[in-house]
């Protein structure tokens, strides 16, 4: 019977048994040609001794052989040179060392596949991000250069053109500044250098403050800012108040920008045991389903040309929202139907009474 995944000790025992049996059979065969040879003495004394010697030799050989091979394997699968404290220990002859090494190599291979997949994703993300940021910066820089070149070429003497082009150049400088400020905010959030000032505050009061800040912008499109019926809870939460203000401002600003004229932006606050769910919904253009996974990516816009027509923006607002919520160890999500509207939701921890 073949032993599945034998230990080194089992291999040595079987090897010694087979070799000793063969030697014994050979010796017994010689007794037919040498009648005076005491076969029983040999079989009773020398064979057991021979078995022990073969067993020890084979065990030592296997142990040293496996040890050298396993050291090579460990050196290959580890990403750094072994330190003295990390040396591979000797082989346990009673353990299924081959199976253990096989499992560890399989686990290493799986980790490598996952790491390669992650690196591939990051490479694609990096390529897309560099392309997006180059495009976002190129447009205002090109515009500023065009306006200034026109003024230098003589248009500066025409007061109407000079004022118009200078104002346009200022708007593009402001857009550049918005992009750089957004990137700086994301960088600080990702690096952890932005320290959150956690405090207790009423989330409903903060939403009302953001409504007031954006009231003028909403009136331009005749959009109503209101709470969802029955979801206007006045609850204390624990978070960085100014960061959450930025989250609400970004989400409500987007709902106004992409909402339909004469529509509504509604905020709902829902109790979820230890957390609160805050949702910002609109009845605007919505987001196609195949774009939902990327809405929190930097510079991602469903329709870039339409986005600029609706007021531009840095394309970093939702990415900043995501990073702020991650810094709070909370989640943000979106559900949307194209042509019907979108709802963004995020959670906050309720304040302990």
Protein backbone atom coordinates (compact mmCIF):
# COMPACT_ATOMS: atom_id res chain seq x y z
CA UNK A 1 0.00 0.00 0.00
CA UNK A 2 1.40 3.40 -1.02
CA UNK A 3 1.39 5.99 1.76
CA UNK A 4 0.05 9.33 0.58
CA UNK A 5 2.27 12.27 1.54
CA UNK A 6 4.70 10.23 3.72
CA UNK A 7 6.89 11.82 6.37
CA UNK A 8 10.72 11.59 6.10
CA UNK A 9 10.73 8.95 8.84
CA UNK A 10 8.19 6.83 6.95
CA UNK A 11 10.20 7.15 3.74
CA UNK A 12 13.39 6.06 5.53
CA UNK A 13 11.60 3.10 7.17
CA UNK A 14 10.11 1.86 3.90
CA UNK A 15 13.41 2.33 2.06
CA UNK A 16 15.34 0.43 4.74
CA UNK A 17 12.71 -2.33 4.78
CA UNK A 18 12.83 -2.79 1.00
CA UNK A 19 16.64 -2.70 0.79
CA UNK A 20 17.07 -5.06 3.76
CA UNK A 21 14.49 -7.48 2.34
CA UNK A 22 16.29 -7.56 -0.99
CA UNK A 23 19.67 -8.16 0.71
CA UNK A 24 18.11 -10.92 2.83
CA UNK A 25 16.63 -12.63 -0.22
CA UNK A 26 19.98 -12.41 -2.01
CA UNK A 27 21.77 -13.90 1.01
CA UNK A 28 19.24 -16.75 1.34
CA UNK A 29 19.81 -17.51 -2.33
CA UNK A 30 23.53 -17.87 -1.64
CA UNK A 31 22.84 -20.53 1.00
CA UNK A 32 21.90 -22.96 -1.75
CA UNK A 33 25.44 -22.68 -3.12
CA UNK A 34 27.26 -22.47 0.24
CA UNK A 35 25.78 -25.22 2.47
CA UNK A 36 28.02 -24.48 5.48
CA UNK A 37 26.89 -20.82 5.71
CA UNK A 38 24.79 -20.19 8.82
CA UNK A 39 21.87 -18.31 7.26
CA UNK A 40 19.81 -18.05 10.44
CA UNK A 41 22.65 -16.34 12.31
CA UNK A 42 22.89 -13.75 9.56
CA UNK A 43 19.15 -13.24 9.38
CA UNK A 44 18.71 -12.89 13.14
CA UNK A 45 21.71 -10.61 13.87
CA UNK A 46 23.12 -8.95 10.79
CA UNK A 47 19.85 -8.23 8.98
CA UNK A 48 18.35 -6.18 11.87
CA UNK A 49 21.65 -4.37 12.25
CA UNK A 50 21.79 -3.74 8.53
CA UNK A 51 18.18 -2.48 8.64
CA UNK A 52 19.02 0.02 11.39
CA UNK A 53 22.10 1.28 9.53
CA UNK A 54 20.20 1.69 6.24
CA UNK A 55 17.32 3.39 8.06
CA UNK A 56 19.63 5.93 9.72
CA UNK A 57 21.61 6.61 6.53
CA UNK A 58 18.48 7.09 4.43
CA UNK A 59 16.86 9.27 7.10
CA UNK A 60 19.92 11.50 7.35
CA UNK A 61 20.20 11.72 3.58
CA UNK A 62 16.52 12.60 3.16
CA UNK A 63 16.65 15.09 5.98
CA UNK A 64 19.71 16.89 4.62
CA UNK A 65 18.49 16.68 1.02
CA UNK A 66 15.07 18.10 1.88
CA UNK A 67 16.65 20.75 4.08
CA UNK A 68 18.81 22.03 1.21
CA UNK A 69 15.89 21.97 -1.22
CA UNK A 70 13.54 23.68 1.21
CA UNK A 71 16.13 26.41 1.88
CA UNK A 72 16.30 27.08 -1.86
CA UNK A 73 12.50 27.21 -2.05
CA UNK A 74 12.23 29.58 0.90
CA UNK A 75 14.92 31.84 -0.53
CA UNK A 76 13.05 31.90 -3.83
CA UNK A 77 9.61 32.69 -2.46
CA UNK A 78 10.69 35.27 0.10
CA UNK A 79 11.16 38.83 -1.07
CA UNK A 80 14.23 39.55 1.02
CA UNK A 81 17.38 37.81 2.15
CA UNK A 82 16.98 35.71 5.26
CA UNK A 83 18.17 37.34 8.45
CA UNK A 84 19.87 35.24 11.13
CA UNK A 85 16.60 35.29 13.09
CA UNK A 86 14.71 34.00 10.04
CA UNK A 87 16.80 30.97 9.16
CA UNK A 88 14.90 27.91 8.01
CA UNK A 89 14.68 25.46 10.87
CA UNK A 90 15.73 21.82 10.55
CA UNK A 91 13.37 19.24 9.12
CA UNK A 92 10.90 17.62 11.51
CA UNK A 93 11.12 13.98 10.41
CA UNK A 94 7.75 13.20 11.97
CA UNK A 95 5.87 15.90 10.09
CA UNK A 96 4.51 15.87 6.57
CA UNK A 97 7.13 18.40 5.50
CA UNK A 98 6.61 17.92 1.75
CA UNK A 99 2.90 18.66 2.06
CA UNK A 100 3.63 21.67 4.28
CA UNK A 101 6.08 23.11 1.76
CA UNK A 102 3.67 22.39 -1.08
CA UNK A 103 0.92 24.27 0.76
CA UNK A 104 3.20 27.21 1.48
CA UNK A 105 4.36 27.41 -2.13
CA UNK A 106 0.73 27.25 -3.30
CA UNK A 107 -0.14 30.07 -0.91
CA UNK A 108 2.85 32.06 -2.17
CA UNK A 109 1.77 31.52 -5.78
CA UNK A 110 -1.74 32.69 -4.96
CA UNK A 111 -0.32 35.80 -3.27
CA UNK A 112 1.83 36.46 -6.34
CA UNK A 113 -1.18 36.18 -8.65
CA UNK A 114 -3.11 38.63 -6.47
CA UNK A 115 -0.16 41.01 -6.27
CA UNK A 116 0.33 40.93 -10.04
CA UNK A 117 -3.37 41.63 -10.45
CA UNK A 118 -3.15 44.57 -8.03
CA UNK A 119 -0.06 45.94 -9.77
CA UNK A 120 -1.80 45.64 -13.14
CA UNK A 121 -4.79 47.53 -11.79
CA UNK A 122 -2.57 50.22 -10.28
CA UNK A 123 -0.63 50.52 -13.52
CA UNK A 124 -3.87 51.03 -15.44
CA UNK A 125 -5.11 53.48 -12.80
CA UNK A 126 -1.81 55.39 -12.92
CA UNK A 127 -1.88 55.55 -16.71
CA UNK A 128 -5.48 56.77 -16.71
CA UNK A 129 -4.83 59.24 -13.88
CA UNK A 130 -1.80 60.80 -15.60
CA UNK A 131 -3.80 61.13 -18.80
CA UNK A 132 -6.74 62.69 -16.96
CA UNK A 133 -4.68 65.20 -14.99
CA UNK A 134 -2.73 66.18 -18.11
CA UNK A 135 -6.01 66.79 -19.92
CA UNK A 136 -7.55 68.74 -17.01
CA UNK A 137 -4.52 71.00 -16.65
CA UNK A 138 -3.94 71.43 -20.36
CA UNK A 139 -7.33 73.00 -21.06
CA UNK A 140 -7.12 76.01 -18.67
CA UNK A 141 -3.40 76.52 -19.40
CA UNK A 142 -4.09 76.55 -23.15
CA UNK A 143 -6.94 79.03 -22.64
CA UNK A 144 -4.84 81.35 -20.46
CA UNK A 145 -2.01 81.25 -22.97
CA UNK A 146 -4.40 82.06 -25.82
CA UNK A 147 -5.96 85.03 -24.04
CA UNK A 148 -2.58 86.48 -23.01
CA UNK A 149 -1.06 85.96 -26.48
CA UNK A 150 -4.01 87.77 -28.01
CA UNK A 151 -3.59 90.68 -25.61
CA UNK A 152 0.16 90.86 -26.24
CA UNK A 153 -0.42 90.87 -30.00
CA UNK A 154 -2.31 94.18 -29.70
CA UNK A 155 -5.76 93.43 -28.36
CA UNK A 156 -4.79 95.00 -25.04
CA UNK A 157 -5.51 98.43 -26.56
CA UNK A 158 -9.16 97.48 -27.09
CA UNK A 159 -10.67 97.94 -23.63
CA UNK A 160 -13.69 95.70 -24.24
CA UNK A 161 -11.55 92.80 -25.45
CA UNK A 162 -8.91 93.40 -22.76
CA UNK A 163 -11.43 93.23 -19.90
CA UNK A 164 -13.23 90.23 -21.38
CA UNK A 165 -10.03 88.23 -21.95
CA UNK A 166 -8.54 89.13 -18.58
CA UNK A 167 -11.71 87.97 -16.85
CA UNK A 168 -11.61 84.71 -18.78
CA UNK A 169 -7.95 84.23 -17.89
CA UNK A 170 -8.78 84.80 -14.20
CA UNK A 171 -11.55 82.19 -14.38
CA UNK A 172 -9.13 79.66 -15.83
CA UNK A 173 -6.53 80.48 -13.17
CA UNK A 174 -9.25 79.91 -10.57
CA UNK A 175 -10.02 76.56 -12.18
CA UNK A 176 -6.33 75.58 -12.03
CA UNK A 177 -6.25 76.57 -8.38
CA UNK A 178 -9.35 74.46 -7.67
CA UNK A 179 -7.75 71.41 -9.30
CA UNK A 180 -4.50 71.82 -7.35
CA UNK A 181 -6.34 72.36 -4.06
CA UNK A 182 -8.37 69.21 -4.71
CA UNK A 183 -5.26 67.17 -5.45
CA UNK A 184 -3.58 68.55 -2.34
CA UNK A 185 -6.60 67.61 -0.21
CA UNK A 186 -6.62 64.05 -1.59
CA UNK A 187 -2.86 63.74 -1.06
CA UNK A 188 -3.19 64.79 2.59
CA UNK A 189 -6.10 62.43 3.12
CA UNK A 190 -4.24 59.49 1.56
CA UNK A 191 -1.02 60.17 3.46
CA UNK A 192 -2.82 60.61 6.78
CA UNK A 193 -1.30 64.06 7.36
CA UNK A 194 -4.77 65.62 7.55
CA UNK A 195 -5.75 65.28 11.21
CA UNK A 196 -9.48 64.92 11.81
CA UNK A 197 -10.97 66.96 14.65
CA UNK A 198 -13.64 64.59 15.89
CA UNK A 199 -16.45 66.33 17.71
CA UNK A 200 -20.16 65.91 18.47
CA UNK A 201 -22.63 67.90 16.36
CA UNK A 202 -26.18 67.76 15.04
CA UNK A 203 -26.13 66.47 11.48
CA UNK A 204 -29.51 68.05 10.63
CA UNK A 205 -28.22 71.49 11.64
CA UNK A 206 -25.16 71.04 9.42
CA UNK A 207 -27.34 70.03 6.44
CA UNK A 208 -29.46 73.16 6.97
CA UNK A 209 -26.30 75.30 6.97
CA UNK A 210 -25.19 73.76 3.66
CA UNK A 211 -28.69 74.38 2.25
CA UNK A 212 -28.28 78.06 3.14
CA UNK A 213 -24.81 78.22 1.57
CA UNK A 214 -26.06 76.74 -1.71
CA UNK A 215 -29.47 78.43 -1.78
CA UNK A 216 -28.45 81.01 -4.39
CA UNK A 217 -26.93 78.37 -6.67
CA UNK A 218 -30.11 76.27 -6.42
CA UNK A 219 -32.37 79.24 -7.20
CA UNK A 220 -30.61 79.77 -10.54
CA UNK A 221 -32.16 76.47 -11.69
CA UNK A 222 -35.23 76.77 -9.50
CA UNK A 223 -34.22 73.64 -7.58
CA UNK A 224 -35.72 73.09 -4.14
CA UNK A 225 -33.42 72.04 -1.28
CA UNK A 226 -35.34 70.04 1.31
CA UNK A 227 -35.41 67.03 3.61
CA UNK A 228 -37.14 63.83 2.59
CA UNK A 229 -40.49 63.42 4.25
CA UNK A 230 -40.13 61.67 7.61
CA UNK A 231 -36.32 61.52 7.28
CA UNK A 232 -35.33 64.81 8.87
CA UNK A 233 -33.90 63.38 12.09
CA UNK A 234 -32.08 65.68 14.46
CA UNK A 235 -29.26 63.41 15.64
CA UNK A 236 -25.84 63.95 17.18
CA UNK A 237 -22.92 62.34 15.37
CA UNK A 238 -19.19 62.05 16.04
CA UNK A 239 -17.05 63.24 13.12
CA UNK A 240 -14.92 66.08 11.78
CA UNK A 241 -17.60 68.73 11.26
CA UNK A 242 -15.82 70.72 8.55
CA UNK A 243 -14.89 67.60 6.60
CA UNK A 244 -18.52 66.42 6.67
CA UNK A 245 -19.59 69.92 5.62
CA UNK A 246 -17.33 69.49 2.57
CA UNK A 247 -18.88 66.07 1.86
CA UNK A 248 -22.41 67.51 2.00
CA UNK A 249 -21.38 70.55 -0.04
CA UNK A 250 -19.84 68.42 -2.79
CA UNK A 251 -22.80 66.03 -2.97
CA UNK A 252 -25.48 68.74 -2.90
CA UNK A 253 -23.56 70.89 -5.39
CA UNK A 254 -23.42 67.93 -7.77
CA UNK A 255 -27.14 67.28 -7.31
CA UNK A 256 -27.85 70.90 -8.26
CA UNK A 257 -25.44 70.88 -11.18
CA UNK A 258 -26.80 67.66 -12.70
CA UNK A 259 -30.39 68.07 -11.51
CA UNK A 260 -33.22 69.11 -13.78
CA UNK A 261 -34.50 72.68 -13.72
CA UNK A 262 -37.53 73.11 -11.44
CA UNK A 263 -36.50 69.89 -9.69
CA UNK A 264 -35.54 69.07 -6.13
CA UNK A 265 -32.57 67.93 -4.07
CA UNK A 266 -33.69 65.96 -1.05
CA UNK A 267 -31.62 64.88 1.95
CA UNK A 268 -32.68 61.96 4.13
CA UNK A 269 -31.29 61.00 7.55
CA UNK A 270 -31.94 57.43 8.69
CA UNK A 271 -31.21 55.68 11.98
CA UNK A 272 -29.09 52.52 11.56
CA UNK A 273 -28.42 51.29 15.11
CA UNK A 274 -24.91 52.59 15.86
CA UNK A 275 -24.68 54.68 12.69
CA UNK A 276 -26.72 57.18 10.73
CA UNK A 277 -27.24 56.97 6.97
CA UNK A 278 -27.32 60.33 5.20
CA UNK A 279 -28.61 60.30 1.62
CA UNK A 280 -28.57 63.08 -0.98
CA UNK A 281 -30.92 62.42 -3.88
CA UNK A 282 -31.91 64.31 -7.03
CA UNK A 283 -34.16 63.85 -10.03
CA UNK A 284 -31.53 64.78 -12.59
CA UNK A 285 -29.79 63.16 -15.52
CA UNK A 286 -28.64 60.08 -13.57
CA UNK A 287 -25.60 57.91 -14.18
CA UNK A 288 -25.42 54.93 -16.58
CA UNK A 289 -24.98 51.63 -14.74
CA UNK A 290 -21.64 50.84 -16.40
CA UNK A 291 -20.17 54.07 -14.99
CA UNK A 292 -21.26 53.65 -11.37
CA UNK A 293 -18.05 51.86 -10.31
CA UNK A 294 -15.89 54.77 -11.45
CA UNK A 295 -17.83 57.79 -10.20
CA UNK A 296 -15.47 58.16 -7.21
CA UNK A 297 -12.33 58.09 -9.38
CA UNK A 298 -10.33 61.27 -9.76
CA UNK A 299 -11.35 63.41 -12.75
CA UNK A 300 -14.00 60.91 -13.81
CA UNK A 301 -17.03 62.42 -15.50
CA UNK A 302 -19.83 60.52 -17.21
CA UNK A 303 -20.05 63.17 -19.91
CA UNK A 304 -17.07 65.54 -19.82
CA UNK A 305 -18.38 67.96 -22.43
CA UNK A 306 -21.77 68.24 -20.71
CA UNK A 307 -20.08 68.58 -17.32
CA UNK A 308 -18.14 71.62 -18.50
CA UNK A 309 -21.29 73.13 -19.99
CA UNK A 310 -22.98 72.70 -16.61
CA UNK A 311 -20.34 74.63 -14.72
CA UNK A 312 -17.03 72.84 -14.97
CA UNK A 313 -15.54 71.78 -11.66
CA UNK A 314 -12.29 70.02 -10.87
CA UNK A 315 -13.61 66.48 -11.29
CA UNK A 316 -12.24 65.70 -7.81
CA UNK A 317 -15.31 66.33 -5.66
CA UNK A 318 -16.54 62.75 -5.36
CA UNK A 319 -13.01 61.43 -4.95
CA UNK A 320 -12.53 63.82 -2.02
CA UNK A 321 -15.85 62.62 -0.57
CA UNK A 322 -14.68 59.01 -0.75
CA UNK A 323 -11.35 59.77 0.94
CA UNK A 324 -12.99 61.78 3.73
CA UNK A 325 -15.38 58.92 4.49
CA UNK A 326 -12.53 56.40 4.44
CA UNK A 327 -10.63 58.62 6.88
CA UNK A 328 -13.68 58.34 9.17
CA UNK A 329 -13.71 54.54 8.67
CA UNK A 330 -17.15 54.92 7.10
CA UNK A 331 -18.60 54.11 3.69
CA UNK A 332 -20.09 56.02 0.78
CA UNK A 333 -22.20 54.56 -2.01
CA UNK A 334 -24.31 55.54 -4.99
CA UNK A 335 -27.36 54.21 -6.75
CA UNK A 336 -28.68 55.75 -9.93
CA UNK A 337 -30.96 55.27 -12.90
CA UNK A 338 -29.96 57.03 -16.09
CA UNK A 339 -32.48 59.74 -16.92
CA UNK A 340 -34.23 59.42 -13.55
CA UNK A 341 -31.78 60.60 -10.93
CA UNK A 342 -29.05 59.65 -8.47
CA UNK A 343 -28.79 59.11 -4.73
CA UNK A 344 -25.50 59.26 -2.84
CA UNK A 345 -25.37 57.91 0.70
CA UNK A 346 -22.77 57.87 3.47
CA UNK A 347 -22.70 56.72 7.05
CA UNK A 348 -21.60 58.43 10.27
CA UNK A 349 -21.19 57.09 13.77
CA UNK A 350 -23.83 58.26 16.22
CA UNK A 351 -22.55 60.17 19.23
CA UNK A 352 -22.51 58.27 22.50
CA UNK A 353 -24.84 59.82 25.05
